[in-house]
Amino acid sequence: MAEFDDHKEDGALRTIGEVAKATGIKTHVLRYWEQQFPQLKPLKRSGGRRYYRTEDVAVVERIDRLVNKEGYTLKGAKAALRGVPDQQAAAQVPASGGGADNAAVVTRLKAIRDDLKAALAS
């Protein structure tokens, strides 16, 4: 969870600047994500000032994890947030952290690579 050092209560509304500072995500990226992810809907007051609720910050952190740490594309992250098994989104999940399954895939890929090298050498 984002660490806020603004001396507000835990459930307090946060401005886009406060969220950006706490998460390390630039404000223009947060505004873009608001357009791309229907789950991210901070409150907007007069003049367009945004106020992020605790659940909005949680969505921002989840998008950040999916896109910047797990390697999802925005389309794949959208599908993951919707909970929809999307073939392309599933293919975007990186091969790290899968244990024995990953070892089998790596072994198979190496065998394919060796076969391709042998075919090219002939």
N, C-alpha and C. Protein backbone atom coordinates (compact mmCIF):
# COMPACT_ATOMS: atom_id res chain seq x y z
N MET A 1 0.84 -1.18 0.00
CA MET A 1 0.00 0.00 0.00
C MET A 1 0.88 1.24 0.00
N ALA A 2 0.44 2.27 -0.69
CA ALA A 2 1.20 3.51 -0.79
C ALA A 2 1.37 4.14 0.59
N GLU A 3 2.53 4.71 0.80
CA GLU A 3 2.82 5.38 2.06
C GLU A 3 2.62 6.87 1.88
N PHE A 4 1.63 7.42 2.58
CA PHE A 4 1.35 8.85 2.52
C PHE A 4 1.94 9.50 3.77
N ASP A 5 2.68 10.56 3.59
CA ASP A 5 3.25 11.28 4.72
C ASP A 5 2.64 12.67 4.85
N ASP A 6 1.32 12.74 4.62
CA ASP A 6 0.64 14.03 4.63
C ASP A 6 -0.17 14.25 5.91
N HIS A 7 -0.02 13.36 6.90
CA HIS A 7 -0.67 13.47 8.20
C HIS A 7 -2.19 13.47 8.12
N LYS A 8 -2.74 12.85 7.07
CA LYS A 8 -4.18 12.70 6.95
C LYS A 8 -4.58 11.34 7.49
N GLU A 9 -5.85 11.18 7.78
CA GLU A 9 -6.37 9.88 8.20
C GLU A 9 -6.18 8.86 7.08
N ASP A 10 -6.18 7.59 7.41
CA ASP A 10 -5.96 6.54 6.42
C ASP A 10 -7.01 6.56 5.31
N GLY A 11 -8.25 6.82 5.60
CA GLY A 11 -9.30 6.79 4.60
C GLY A 11 -9.58 8.14 3.94
N ALA A 12 -8.71 9.12 4.17
CA ALA A 12 -8.94 10.46 3.64
C ALA A 12 -8.80 10.50 2.13
N LEU A 13 -9.49 11.46 1.53
CA LEU A 13 -9.35 11.68 0.09
C LEU A 13 -7.98 12.27 -0.20
N ARG A 14 -7.38 11.87 -1.32
CA ARG A 14 -6.05 12.34 -1.71
C ARG A 14 -6.14 13.03 -3.07
N THR A 15 -5.34 14.05 -3.24
CA THR A 15 -5.28 14.72 -4.54
C THR A 15 -4.42 13.87 -5.47
N ILE A 16 -4.49 14.17 -6.75
CA ILE A 16 -3.71 13.42 -7.73
C ILE A 16 -2.21 13.60 -7.44
N GLY A 17 -1.83 14.79 -6.99
CA GLY A 17 -0.42 15.04 -6.65
C GLY A 17 0.05 14.20 -5.49
N GLU A 18 -0.80 14.04 -4.48
CA GLU A 18 -0.45 13.22 -3.33
C GLU A 18 -0.32 11.75 -3.73
N VAL A 19 -1.22 11.28 -4.57
CA VAL A 19 -1.16 9.90 -5.04
C VAL A 19 0.09 9.69 -5.89
N ALA A 20 0.38 10.66 -6.75
CA ALA A 20 1.56 10.56 -7.61
C ALA A 20 2.83 10.49 -6.76
N LYS A 21 2.91 11.32 -5.75
CA LYS A 21 4.10 11.34 -4.90
C LYS A 21 4.26 10.03 -4.12
N ALA A 22 3.15 9.51 -3.60
CA ALA A 22 3.20 8.30 -2.78
C ALA A 22 3.50 7.05 -3.62
N THR A 23 3.02 7.02 -4.85
CA THR A 23 3.19 5.82 -5.68
C THR A 23 4.36 5.91 -6.64
N GLY A 24 4.85 7.12 -6.87
CA GLY A 24 5.94 7.29 -7.83
C GLY A 24 5.46 7.28 -9.28
N ILE A 25 4.18 7.47 -9.49
CA ILE A 25 3.60 7.49 -10.84
C ILE A 25 3.26 8.94 -11.17
N LYS A 26 3.69 9.39 -12.31
CA LYS A 26 3.47 10.79 -12.70
C LYS A 26 1.98 11.08 -12.89
N THR A 27 1.63 12.34 -12.64
CA THR A 27 0.21 12.72 -12.71
C THR A 27 -0.38 12.53 -14.10
N HIS A 28 0.39 12.78 -15.15
CA HIS A 28 -0.16 12.60 -16.50
C HIS A 28 -0.44 11.13 -16.79
N VAL A 29 0.33 10.24 -16.19
CA VAL A 29 0.09 8.81 -16.35
C VAL A 29 -1.20 8.43 -15.62
N LEU A 30 -1.38 8.97 -14.42
CA LEU A 30 -2.61 8.69 -13.67
C LEU A 30 -3.84 9.18 -14.44
N ARG A 31 -3.76 10.35 -15.04
CA ARG A 31 -4.89 10.87 -15.83
C ARG A 31 -5.16 9.98 -17.04
N TYR A 32 -4.08 9.49 -17.67
CA TYR A 32 -4.24 8.60 -18.82
C TYR A 32 -4.89 7.29 -18.39
N TRP A 33 -4.44 6.75 -17.26
CA TRP A 33 -5.03 5.51 -16.76
C TRP A 33 -6.51 5.69 -16.45
N GLU A 34 -6.90 6.86 -15.99
CA GLU A 34 -8.32 7.12 -15.74
C GLU A 34 -9.14 6.97 -17.02
N GLN A 35 -8.55 7.35 -18.15
CA GLN A 35 -9.24 7.21 -19.42
C GLN A 35 -9.28 5.76 -19.88
N GLN A 36 -8.24 4.99 -19.57
CA GLN A 36 -8.10 3.64 -20.07
C GLN A 36 -8.78 2.57 -19.21
N PHE A 37 -8.89 2.81 -17.91
CA PHE A 37 -9.41 1.81 -16.99
C PHE A 37 -10.70 2.31 -16.35
N PRO A 38 -11.83 1.73 -16.71
CA PRO A 38 -13.11 2.18 -16.15
C PRO A 38 -13.19 1.98 -14.64
N GLN A 39 -12.36 1.09 -14.08
CA GLN A 39 -12.37 0.85 -12.64
C GLN A 39 -11.79 2.02 -11.86
N LEU A 40 -11.02 2.86 -12.53
CA LEU A 40 -10.35 3.99 -11.87
C LEU A 40 -11.16 5.26 -12.10
N LYS A 41 -11.97 5.61 -11.13
CA LYS A 41 -12.85 6.78 -11.24
C LYS A 41 -12.76 7.62 -9.96
N PRO A 42 -11.71 8.45 -9.83
CA PRO A 42 -11.66 9.32 -8.65
C PRO A 42 -12.78 10.35 -8.69
N LEU A 43 -13.11 10.86 -7.52
CA LEU A 43 -14.11 11.92 -7.45
C LEU A 43 -13.56 13.16 -8.13
N LYS A 44 -14.42 13.87 -8.84
CA LYS A 44 -14.00 15.12 -9.47
C LYS A 44 -14.87 16.24 -8.94
N ARG A 45 -14.22 17.28 -8.47
CA ARG A 45 -14.92 18.45 -7.95
C ARG A 45 -14.90 19.56 -8.99
N SER A 46 -15.49 20.66 -8.66
CA SER A 46 -15.52 21.79 -9.59
C SER A 46 -14.10 22.16 -10.01
N GLY A 47 -13.96 22.52 -11.24
CA GLY A 47 -12.64 22.84 -11.77
C GLY A 47 -11.87 21.61 -12.17
N GLY A 48 -12.47 20.42 -12.05
CA GLY A 48 -11.81 19.19 -12.48
C GLY A 48 -10.81 18.64 -11.47
N ARG A 49 -10.76 19.16 -10.26
CA ARG A 49 -9.82 18.66 -9.26
C ARG A 49 -10.20 17.24 -8.85
N ARG A 50 -9.22 16.35 -8.90
CA ARG A 50 -9.47 14.94 -8.62
C ARG A 50 -9.17 14.61 -7.16
N TYR A 51 -10.02 13.76 -6.59
CA TYR A 51 -9.79 13.26 -5.24
C TYR A 51 -9.88 11.74 -5.28
N TYR A 52 -8.78 11.11 -4.91
CA TYR A 52 -8.70 9.65 -4.94
C TYR A 52 -9.10 9.09 -3.58
N ARG A 53 -10.03 8.13 -3.61
CA ARG A 53 -10.43 7.39 -2.42
C ARG A 53 -9.42 6.26 -2.19
N THR A 54 -9.50 5.63 -1.07
CA THR A 54 -8.60 4.52 -0.75
C THR A 54 -8.71 3.42 -1.80
N GLU A 55 -9.93 3.12 -2.25
CA GLU A 55 -10.09 2.07 -3.27
C GLU A 55 -9.51 2.50 -4.62
N ASP A 56 -9.52 3.80 -4.92
CA ASP A 56 -8.90 4.29 -6.16
C ASP A 56 -7.38 4.10 -6.10
N VAL A 57 -6.80 4.38 -4.94
CA VAL A 57 -5.36 4.20 -4.78
C VAL A 57 -4.99 2.72 -4.94
N ALA A 58 -5.85 1.84 -4.41
CA ALA A 58 -5.61 0.40 -4.55
C ALA A 58 -5.64 -0.02 -6.02
N VAL A 59 -6.56 0.54 -6.80
CA VAL A 59 -6.64 0.24 -8.23
C VAL A 59 -5.38 0.75 -8.94
N VAL A 60 -4.93 1.96 -8.59
CA VAL A 60 -3.71 2.51 -9.18
C VAL A 60 -2.53 1.58 -8.90
N GLU A 61 -2.43 1.11 -7.67
CA GLU A 61 -1.32 0.22 -7.31
C GLU A 61 -1.40 -1.10 -8.06
N ARG A 62 -2.61 -1.60 -8.26
CA ARG A 62 -2.77 -2.86 -9.00
C ARG A 62 -2.40 -2.68 -10.47
N ILE A 63 -2.83 -1.59 -11.07
CA ILE A 63 -2.46 -1.31 -12.47
C ILE A 63 -0.95 -1.18 -12.58
N ASP A 64 -0.35 -0.45 -11.65
CA ASP A 64 1.11 -0.26 -11.66
C ASP A 64 1.82 -1.60 -11.56
N ARG A 65 1.35 -2.48 -10.68
CA ARG A 65 1.98 -3.79 -10.53
C ARG A 65 1.85 -4.60 -11.82
N LEU A 66 0.65 -4.61 -12.40
CA LEU A 66 0.43 -5.38 -13.62
C LEU A 66 1.27 -4.86 -14.78
N VAL A 67 1.28 -3.55 -14.97
CA VAL A 67 1.94 -2.96 -16.14
C VAL A 67 3.45 -2.83 -15.95
N ASN A 68 3.86 -2.30 -14.81
CA ASN A 68 5.28 -1.97 -14.64
C ASN A 68 6.12 -3.04 -13.96
N LYS A 69 5.48 -3.98 -13.28
CA LYS A 69 6.25 -5.02 -12.60
C LYS A 69 6.06 -6.40 -13.22
N GLU A 70 4.83 -6.68 -13.67
CA GLU A 70 4.54 -8.00 -14.23
C GLU A 70 4.59 -8.02 -15.76
N GLY A 71 4.75 -6.88 -16.39
CA GLY A 71 4.95 -6.82 -17.83
C GLY A 71 3.70 -6.90 -18.69
N TYR A 72 2.53 -6.66 -18.12
CA TYR A 72 1.31 -6.66 -18.91
C TYR A 72 1.27 -5.43 -19.81
N THR A 73 0.61 -5.57 -20.95
CA THR A 73 0.28 -4.39 -21.75
C THR A 73 -0.96 -3.77 -21.11
N LEU A 74 -1.34 -2.58 -21.55
CA LEU A 74 -2.55 -1.97 -21.00
C LEU A 74 -3.78 -2.83 -21.30
N LYS A 75 -3.83 -3.40 -22.50
CA LYS A 75 -4.95 -4.27 -22.86
C LYS A 75 -5.00 -5.50 -21.95
N GLY A 76 -3.86 -6.08 -21.70
CA GLY A 76 -3.80 -7.24 -20.82
C GLY A 76 -4.15 -6.88 -19.38
N ALA A 77 -3.71 -5.72 -18.93
CA ALA A 77 -4.04 -5.28 -17.58
C ALA A 77 -5.54 -5.02 -17.44
N LYS A 78 -6.15 -4.46 -18.49
CA LYS A 78 -7.60 -4.25 -18.47
C LYS A 78 -8.33 -5.58 -18.31
N ALA A 79 -7.90 -6.57 -19.07
CA ALA A 79 -8.54 -7.90 -18.99
C ALA A 79 -8.32 -8.51 -17.61
N ALA A 80 -7.13 -8.35 -17.07
CA ALA A 80 -6.85 -8.90 -15.74
C ALA A 80 -7.70 -8.22 -14.67
N LEU A 81 -7.88 -6.93 -14.78
CA LEU A 81 -8.72 -6.21 -13.81
C LEU A 81 -10.18 -6.60 -13.93
N ARG A 82 -10.62 -6.89 -15.15
CA ARG A 82 -12.01 -7.34 -15.35
C ARG A 82 -12.19 -8.78 -14.90
N GLY A 83 -11.08 -9.51 -14.79
CA GLY A 83 -11.17 -10.91 -14.41
C GLY A 83 -11.53 -11.80 -15.58
N VAL A 84 -11.41 -11.27 -16.79
CA VAL A 84 -11.77 -12.01 -18.00
C VAL A 84 -10.53 -12.75 -18.50
N PRO A 85 -10.62 -14.06 -18.68
CA PRO A 85 -9.48 -14.77 -19.25
C PRO A 85 -9.34 -14.43 -20.73
N ASP A 86 -8.42 -13.57 -21.04
CA ASP A 86 -8.19 -13.12 -22.41
C ASP A 86 -6.97 -13.85 -22.94
N GLN A 87 -7.08 -14.46 -24.11
CA GLN A 87 -5.97 -15.24 -24.66
C GLN A 87 -4.71 -14.41 -24.79
N GLN A 88 -4.84 -13.20 -25.31
CA GLN A 88 -3.67 -12.35 -25.46
C GLN A 88 -3.15 -11.90 -24.11
N ALA A 89 -4.03 -11.62 -23.17
CA ALA A 89 -3.60 -11.20 -21.85
C ALA A 89 -2.86 -12.35 -21.15
N ALA A 90 -3.37 -13.56 -21.31
CA ALA A 90 -2.72 -14.71 -20.69
C ALA A 90 -1.33 -14.92 -21.27
N ALA A 91 -1.18 -14.65 -22.55
CA ALA A 91 0.12 -14.82 -23.19
C ALA A 91 1.12 -13.76 -22.73
N GLN A 92 0.63 -12.67 -22.14
CA GLN A 92 1.51 -11.59 -21.73
C GLN A 92 2.08 -11.80 -20.34
N VAL A 93 1.58 -12.78 -19.60
CA VAL A 93 2.11 -13.02 -18.28
C VAL A 93 3.53 -13.54 -18.43
N PRO A 94 4.50 -12.91 -17.78
CA PRO A 94 5.88 -13.34 -17.93
C PRO A 94 6.10 -14.73 -17.35
N ALA A 95 7.17 -15.36 -17.77
CA ALA A 95 7.45 -16.73 -17.39
C ALA A 95 8.17 -16.84 -16.07
N SER A 96 8.20 -15.81 -15.26
CA SER A 96 8.90 -15.88 -13.98
C SER A 96 7.95 -16.30 -12.88
N GLY A 97 8.49 -16.99 -11.89
CA GLY A 97 7.71 -17.33 -10.72
C GLY A 97 6.85 -18.55 -10.84
N GLY A 98 6.98 -19.36 -11.89
CA GLY A 98 6.12 -20.50 -12.07
C GLY A 98 6.71 -21.81 -11.63
N GLY A 99 7.95 -21.83 -11.16
CA GLY A 99 8.57 -23.03 -10.63
C GLY A 99 8.79 -24.10 -11.68
N ALA A 100 8.26 -25.31 -11.40
CA ALA A 100 8.49 -26.47 -12.26
C ALA A 100 7.91 -26.27 -13.66
N ASP A 101 6.77 -25.60 -13.75
CA ASP A 101 6.18 -25.34 -15.06
C ASP A 101 7.13 -24.53 -15.93
N ASN A 102 7.74 -23.53 -15.36
CA ASN A 102 8.68 -22.70 -16.11
C ASN A 102 9.91 -23.49 -16.53
N ALA A 103 10.39 -24.35 -15.67
CA ALA A 103 11.56 -25.16 -16.00
C ALA A 103 11.26 -26.05 -17.21
N ALA A 104 10.06 -26.62 -17.25
CA ALA A 104 9.68 -27.47 -18.38
C ALA A 104 9.58 -26.65 -19.66
N VAL A 105 9.04 -25.46 -19.56
CA VAL A 105 8.92 -24.59 -20.73
C VAL A 105 10.30 -24.19 -21.23
N VAL A 106 11.18 -23.81 -20.31
CA VAL A 106 12.54 -23.42 -20.70
C VAL A 106 13.25 -24.58 -21.38
N THR A 107 13.13 -25.77 -20.82
CA THR A 107 13.75 -26.96 -21.41
C THR A 107 13.22 -27.20 -22.82
N ARG A 108 11.92 -27.09 -22.98
CA ARG A 108 11.29 -27.30 -24.30
C ARG A 108 11.74 -26.23 -25.30
N LEU A 109 11.80 -24.98 -24.86
CA LEU A 109 12.25 -23.90 -25.74
C LEU A 109 13.71 -24.09 -26.16
N LYS A 110 14.53 -24.54 -25.25
CA LYS A 110 15.93 -24.79 -25.60
C LYS A 110 16.04 -25.91 -26.64
N ALA A 111 15.22 -26.94 -26.49
CA ALA A 111 15.22 -28.03 -27.46
C ALA A 111 14.77 -27.52 -28.84
N ILE A 112 13.76 -26.67 -28.86
CA ILE A 112 13.30 -26.10 -30.13
C ILE A 112 14.40 -25.24 -30.74
N ARG A 113 15.07 -24.44 -29.92
CA ARG A 113 16.16 -23.61 -30.42
C ARG A 113 17.26 -24.47 -31.03
N ASP A 114 17.62 -25.55 -30.34
CA ASP A 114 18.66 -26.45 -30.86
C ASP A 114 18.23 -27.09 -32.18
N ASP A 115 16.95 -27.46 -32.27
CA ASP A 115 16.44 -28.03 -33.52
C ASP A 115 16.52 -27.01 -34.66
N LEU A 116 16.17 -25.78 -34.37
CA LEU A 116 16.23 -24.73 -35.38
C LEU A 116 17.67 -24.45 -35.82
N LYS A 117 18.58 -24.44 -34.87
CA LYS A 117 19.99 -24.23 -35.21
C LYS A 117 20.49 -25.35 -36.11
N ALA A 118 20.11 -26.58 -35.79
CA ALA A 118 20.54 -27.73 -36.59
C ALA A 118 19.94 -27.64 -37.99
N ALA A 119 18.69 -27.20 -38.09
CA ALA A 119 18.04 -27.08 -39.41
C ALA A 119 18.72 -26.00 -40.23
N LEU A 120 19.13 -24.91 -39.61
CA LEU A 120 19.80 -23.85 -40.33
C LEU A 120 21.22 -24.27 -40.78
N ALA A 121 21.86 -25.09 -39.99
CA ALA A 121 23.22 -25.54 -40.29
C ALA A 121 23.23 -26.53 -41.47
N SER A 122 22.12 -27.21 -41.72
CA SER A 122 22.09 -28.23 -42.79
C SER A 122 22.03 -27.60 -44.15
